[in-house]
Amino acid sequence: MKIRSYQPADLETLKTITVEAFQGVSIDEGIEREYGPINGHDWKWRKAGHVEADVRRDPEGIFIAEVDGKIAGYISTWHDLEAGIGYIPNLAFAPEFRGQGMGRKLLEHALQHFRDLNLTLAKIETLEQNDVGNHLYTSLGFKEIVKQVHFVAPLTSTTEKS
């Protein structure tokens, strides 16, 4: 596995990998189960939009895992130098590359990136049902600080499940 910097031509592949990888562990998917598509868009469209937001925020903080010239997965990061915190919004791999230790290597690469920036802490979030992520993150020294509950309320009486 080779780790390289993000290139704009990677975007569509990263969006595809992300949507597939977050199936079953996406807040937006849970919202859709309750309310259906929102404004004509499904959860996959919104999750792909998160990748676009990562690129707008810090394209230099996105690292690509490549195997034989093919994108296997990626990690996105951004940081707040004043606060001393590095953030990891997304870590995802194509199915055929999971379970091979590449996620650990990519996460270690991101943590070194944060150390090189002289940051104090790294922060990553996941859902309770993400057993793989929960195991990986704690094995690298992340500690669960608090659990968060996401509430969603319809803003009109016409919001209903399709």
C-alpha atoms as a PDB file:
ATOM      1  CA  MET A   1       0.000   0.000   0.000  1.00  0.00           C
ATOM      2  CA  LYS A   2       1.193   3.465  -0.920  1.00  0.00           C
ATOM      3  CA  ILE A   3      -0.088   6.602   0.827  1.00  0.00           C
ATOM      4  CA  ARG A   4      -0.249   9.693  -1.334  1.00  0.00           C
ATOM      5  CA  SER A   5      -1.804  13.145  -1.299  1.00  0.00           C
ATOM      6  CA  TYR A   6      -5.311  13.822  -2.587  1.00  0.00           C
ATOM      7  CA  GLN A   7      -5.731  14.931  -6.204  1.00  0.00           C
ATOM      8  CA  PRO A   8      -8.944  16.498  -7.583  1.00  0.00           C
ATOM      9  CA  ALA A   9      -9.382  13.548  -9.974  1.00  0.00           C
ATOM     10  CA  ASP A  10      -9.866  11.329  -6.874  1.00  0.00           C
ATOM     11  CA  LEU A  11     -13.111  12.986  -5.767  1.00  0.00           C
ATOM     12  CA  GLU A  12     -15.694  10.789  -7.516  1.00  0.00           C
ATOM     13  CA  THR A  13     -13.966   7.583  -6.405  1.00  0.00           C
ATOM     14  CA  LEU A  14     -13.793   8.831  -2.810  1.00  0.00           C
ATOM     15  CA  LYS A  15     -17.497   9.672  -2.852  1.00  0.00           C
ATOM     16  CA  THR A  16     -18.343   6.178  -4.141  1.00  0.00           C
ATOM     17  CA  ILE A  17     -16.143   4.470  -1.531  1.00  0.00           C
ATOM     18  CA  THR A  18     -17.605   6.636   1.248  1.00  0.00           C
ATOM     19  CA  VAL A  19     -21.240   5.974   0.436  1.00  0.00           C
ATOM     20  CA  GLU A  20     -20.632   2.223   0.292  1.00  0.00           C
ATOM     21  CA  ALA A  21     -18.519   2.175   3.461  1.00  0.00           C
ATOM     22  CA  PHE A  22     -20.982   4.193   5.560  1.00  0.00           C
ATOM     23  CA  GLN A  23     -23.998   2.049   4.772  1.00  0.00           C
ATOM     24  CA  GLY A  24     -25.404   0.998   8.149  1.00  0.00           C
ATOM     25  CA  VAL A  25     -23.294   3.486  10.125  1.00  0.00           C
ATOM     26  CA  SER A  26     -24.537   6.830   8.767  1.00  0.00           C
ATOM     27  CA  ILE A  27     -26.624   9.304  10.743  1.00  0.00           C
ATOM     28  CA  ASP A  28     -28.172  10.492   7.476  1.00  0.00           C
ATOM     29  CA  GLU A  29     -29.221   6.935   6.654  1.00  0.00           C
ATOM     30  CA  GLY A  30     -30.984   6.730  10.016  1.00  0.00           C
ATOM     31  CA  ILE A  31     -32.781  10.002   9.306  1.00  0.00           C
ATOM     32  CA  GLU A  32     -33.895   8.663   5.946  1.00  0.00           C
ATOM     33  CA  ARG A  33     -35.277   5.493   7.535  1.00  0.00           C
ATOM     34  CA  GLU A  34     -37.482   7.701   9.691  1.00  0.00           C
ATOM     35  CA  TYR A  35     -38.441  10.481   7.270  1.00  0.00           C
ATOM     36  CA  GLY A  36     -37.551   9.291   3.780  1.00  0.00           C
ATOM     37  CA  PRO A  37     -35.552  11.341   1.275  1.00  0.00           C
ATOM     38  CA  ILE A  38     -35.273  15.048   2.102  1.00  0.00           C
ATOM     39  CA  ASN A  39     -35.737  17.719  -0.558  1.00  0.00           C
ATOM     40  CA  GLY A  40     -35.483  15.060  -3.240  1.00  0.00           C
ATOM     41  CA  HIS A  41     -32.113  13.792  -2.015  1.00  0.00           C
ATOM     42  CA  ASP A  42     -31.266  10.504  -0.317  1.00  0.00           C
ATOM     43  CA  TRP A  43     -28.724   9.928   2.448  1.00  0.00           C
ATOM     44  CA  LYS A  44     -26.119   8.808  -0.090  1.00  0.00           C
ATOM     45  CA  TRP A  45     -26.237  12.194  -1.796  1.00  0.00           C
ATOM     46  CA  ARG A  46     -25.752  13.942   1.554  1.00  0.00           C
ATOM     47  CA  LYS A  47     -22.892  11.623   2.587  1.00  0.00           C
ATOM     48  CA  ALA A  48     -21.128  12.198  -0.748  1.00  0.00           C
ATOM     49  CA  GLY A  49     -21.529  15.916  -0.048  1.00  0.00           C
ATOM     50  CA  HIS A  50     -19.554  15.453   3.177  1.00  0.00           C
ATOM     51  CA  VAL A  51     -16.570  14.342   1.087  1.00  0.00           C
ATOM     52  CA  GLU A  52     -16.917  17.454  -1.075  1.00  0.00           C
ATOM     53  CA  ALA A  53     -16.954  19.542   2.125  1.00  0.00           C
ATOM     54  CA  ASP A  54     -13.779  17.800   3.333  1.00  0.00           C
ATOM     55  CA  VAL A  55     -12.077  18.718   0.048  1.00  0.00           C
ATOM     56  CA  ARG A  56     -13.170  22.353   0.322  1.00  0.00           C
ATOM     57  CA  ARG A  57     -12.008  22.567   3.942  1.00  0.00           C
ATOM     58  CA  ASP A  58      -8.528  21.025   3.662  1.00  0.00           C
ATOM     59  CA  PRO A  59      -7.538  19.134   0.505  1.00  0.00           C
ATOM     60  CA  GLU A  60      -3.938  18.883   1.801  1.00  0.00           C
ATOM     61  CA  GLY A  61      -5.311  16.943   4.791  1.00  0.00           C
ATOM     62  CA  ILE A  62      -6.744  14.130   2.674  1.00  0.00           C
ATOM     63  CA  PHE A  63      -4.550  11.078   2.233  1.00  0.00           C
ATOM     64  CA  ILE A  64      -5.169   8.307  -0.275  1.00  0.00           C
ATOM     65  CA  ALA A  65      -4.319   4.631   0.217  1.00  0.00           C
ATOM     66  CA  GLU A  66      -3.385   3.182  -3.147  1.00  0.00           C
ATOM     67  CA  VAL A  67      -2.747  -0.444  -4.097  1.00  0.00           C
ATOM     68  CA  ASP A  68      -1.366  -1.230  -7.553  1.00  0.00           C
ATOM     69  CA  GLY A  69      -2.455   2.179  -8.812  1.00  0.00           C
ATOM     70  CA  LYS A  70      -6.036   1.763  -7.535  1.00  0.00           C
ATOM     71  CA  ILE A  71      -7.587   3.833  -4.751  1.00  0.00           C
ATOM     72  CA  ALA A  72      -8.212   1.432  -1.877  1.00  0.00           C
ATOM     73  CA  GLY A  73      -9.416   4.021   0.626  1.00  0.00           C
ATOM     74  CA  TYR A  74      -8.724   7.381   2.185  1.00  0.00           C
ATOM     75  CA  ILE A  75      -8.754   9.478   5.308  1.00  0.00           C
ATOM     76  CA  SER A  76      -9.782  13.125   5.517  1.00  0.00           C
ATOM     77  CA  THR A  77      -8.438  15.490   8.145  1.00  0.00           C
ATOM     78  CA  TRP A  78      -8.530  19.121   9.107  1.00  0.00           C
ATOM     79  CA  HIS A  79      -7.064  20.990  12.028  1.00  0.00           C
ATOM     80  CA  ASP A  80      -7.405  23.990  14.295  1.00  0.00           C
ATOM     81  CA  LEU A  81      -3.899  25.153  15.163  1.00  0.00           C
ATOM     82  CA  GLU A  82      -5.056  27.603  17.827  1.00  0.00           C
ATOM     83  CA  ALA A  83      -7.118  24.931  19.607  1.00  0.00           C
ATOM     84  CA  GLY A  84      -4.428  22.304  19.043  1.00  0.00           C
ATOM     85  CA  ILE A  85      -6.902  19.731  17.724  1.00  0.00           C
ATOM     86  CA  GLY A  86      -6.803  17.624  14.587  1.00  0.00           C
ATOM     87  CA  TYR A  87     -10.119  16.289  13.266  1.00  0.00           C
ATOM     88  CA  ILE A  88     -10.802  13.166  11.233  1.00  0.00           C
ATOM     89  CA  PRO A  89     -14.203  13.416   9.530  1.00  0.00           C
ATOM     90  CA  ASN A  90     -13.959  10.393   7.237  1.00  0.00           C
ATOM     91  CA  LEU A  91     -12.029   7.135   6.928  1.00  0.00           C
ATOM     92  CA  ALA A  92     -13.284   4.666   4.336  1.00  0.00           C
ATOM     93  CA  PHE A  93     -12.104   1.730   2.240  1.00  0.00           C
ATOM     94  CA  ALA A  94     -13.497  -0.157  -0.719  1.00  0.00           C
ATOM     95  CA  PRO A  95     -14.830  -3.576   0.396  1.00  0.00           C
ATOM     96  CA  GLU A  96     -12.033  -5.625  -1.181  1.00  0.00           C
ATOM     97  CA  PHE A  97      -9.401  -3.718   0.833  1.00  0.00           C
ATOM     98  CA  ARG A  98     -10.974  -3.940   4.273  1.00  0.00           C
ATOM     99  CA  GLY A  99      -9.585  -6.064   7.084  1.00  0.00           C
ATOM    100  CA  GLN A 100      -5.993  -5.916   5.847  1.00  0.00           C
ATOM    101  CA  GLY A 101      -4.583  -3.339   8.270  1.00  0.00           C
ATOM    102  CA  MET A 102      -4.612  -0.500   5.754  1.00  0.00           C
ATOM    103  CA  GLY A 103      -7.037   1.570   7.815  1.00  0.00           C
ATOM    104  CA  ARG A 104      -4.649   1.408  10.760  1.00  0.00           C
ATOM    105  CA  LYS A 105      -1.737   2.560   8.566  1.00  0.00           C
ATOM    106  CA  LEU A 106      -3.759   5.417   7.121  1.00  0.00           C
ATOM    107  CA  LEU A 107      -4.911   6.482  10.576  1.00  0.00           C
ATOM    108  CA  GLU A 108      -1.316   6.339  11.852  1.00  0.00           C
ATOM    109  CA  HIS A 109      -0.303   8.515   8.893  1.00  0.00           C
ATOM    110  CA  ALA A 110      -2.977  11.081   9.803  1.00  0.00           C
ATOM    111  CA  LEU A 111      -1.881  11.067  13.449  1.00  0.00           C
ATOM    112  CA  GLN A 112       1.722  11.732  12.369  1.00  0.00           C
ATOM    113  CA  HIS A 113       0.446  14.567  10.172  1.00  0.00           C
ATOM    114  CA  PHE A 114      -1.151  16.075  13.293  1.00  0.00           C
ATOM    115  CA  ARG A 115       2.063  15.582  15.297  1.00  0.00           C
ATOM    116  CA  ASP A 116       4.019  17.315  12.535  1.00  0.00           C
ATOM    117  CA  LEU A 117       1.657  20.279  12.954  1.00  0.00           C
ATOM    118  CA  ASN A 118       2.381  20.247  16.717  1.00  0.00           C
ATOM    119  CA  LEU A 119      -1.244  19.565  17.602  1.00  0.00           C
ATOM    120  CA  THR A 120      -2.188  18.307  21.058  1.00  0.00           C
ATOM    121  CA  LEU A 121      -5.173  16.021  20.398  1.00  0.00           C
ATOM    122  CA  ALA A 122      -6.795  14.091  17.555  1.00  0.00           C
ATOM    123  CA  LYS A 123     -10.566  13.710  17.439  1.00  0.00           C
ATOM    124  CA  ILE A 124     -12.638  11.162  15.538  1.00  0.00           C
ATOM    125  CA  GLU A 125     -16.322  10.323  15.849  1.00  0.00           C
ATOM    126  CA  THR A 126     -18.177   7.116  15.085  1.00  0.00           C
ATOM    127  CA  LEU A 127     -21.512   5.520  15.793  1.00  0.00           C
ATOM    128  CA  GLU A 128     -21.952   2.919  18.478  1.00  0.00           C
ATOM    129  CA  GLN A 129     -22.776   0.208  15.927  1.00  0.00           C
ATOM    130  CA  ASN A 130     -19.439   0.685  14.113  1.00  0.00           C
ATOM    131  CA  ASP A 131     -17.651  -2.213  15.823  1.00  0.00           C
ATOM    132  CA  VAL A 132     -14.655  -2.138  13.467  1.00  0.00           C
ATOM    133  CA  GLY A 133     -14.076   1.594  13.970  1.00  0.00           C
ATOM    134  CA  ASN A 134     -14.577   1.430  17.716  1.00  0.00           C
ATOM    135  CA  HIS A 135     -11.986  -1.344  17.998  1.00  0.00           C
ATOM    136  CA  LEU A 136      -9.468   0.347  15.679  1.00  0.00           C
ATOM    137  CA  TYR A 137      -9.688   3.766  17.326  1.00  0.00           C
ATOM    138  CA  THR A 138      -9.271   2.491  20.878  1.00  0.00           C
ATOM    139  CA  SER A 139      -6.352   0.272  19.797  1.00  0.00           C
ATOM    140  CA  LEU A 140      -4.559   3.437  18.621  1.00  0.00           C
ATOM    141  CA  GLY A 141      -5.055   5.294  21.897  1.00  0.00           C
ATOM    142  CA  PHE A 142      -8.337   7.082  21.303  1.00  0.00           C
ATOM    143  CA  LYS A 143     -10.555   7.175  24.397  1.00  0.00           C
ATOM    144  CA  GLU A 144     -14.308   7.444  24.448  1.00  0.00           C
ATOM    145  CA  ILE A 145     -15.087  10.793  26.039  1.00  0.00           C
ATOM    146  CA  VAL A 146     -18.852  11.090  25.722  1.00  0.00           C
ATOM    147  CA  LYS A 147     -21.760   9.519  23.845  1.00  0.00           C
ATOM    148  CA  GLN A 148     -23.894  11.766  21.694  1.00  0.00           C
ATOM    149  CA  VAL A 149     -27.544  11.399  20.739  1.00  0.00           C
ATOM    150  CA  HIS A 150     -28.823  12.889  17.492  1.00  0.00           C
ATOM    151  CA  PHE A 151     -32.389  14.191  17.515  1.00  0.00           C
ATOM    152  CA  VAL A 152     -34.262  15.198  14.366  1.00  0.00           C
ATOM    153  CA  ALA A 153     -37.594  17.040  14.220  1.00  0.00           C
ATOM    154  CA  PRO A 154     -39.724  17.689  11.149  1.00  0.00           C
ATOM    155  CA  LEU A 155     -40.220  21.409  10.452  1.00  0.00           C
ATOM    156  CA  THR A 156     -43.462  21.032   8.539  1.00  0.00           C
ATOM    157  CA  SER A 157     -46.508  18.841   8.919  1.00  0.00           C
ATOM    158  CA  THR A 158     -45.954  17.545   5.375  1.00  0.00           C
ATOM    159  CA  THR A 159     -42.736  15.741   6.272  1.00  0.00           C
ATOM    160  CA  GLU A 160     -43.560  12.065   6.084  1.00  0.00           C
ATOM    161  CA  LYS A 161     -41.843   8.849   5.245  1.00  0.00           C
ATOM    162  CA  SER A 162     -42.038   7.910   1.584  1.00  0.00           C
END
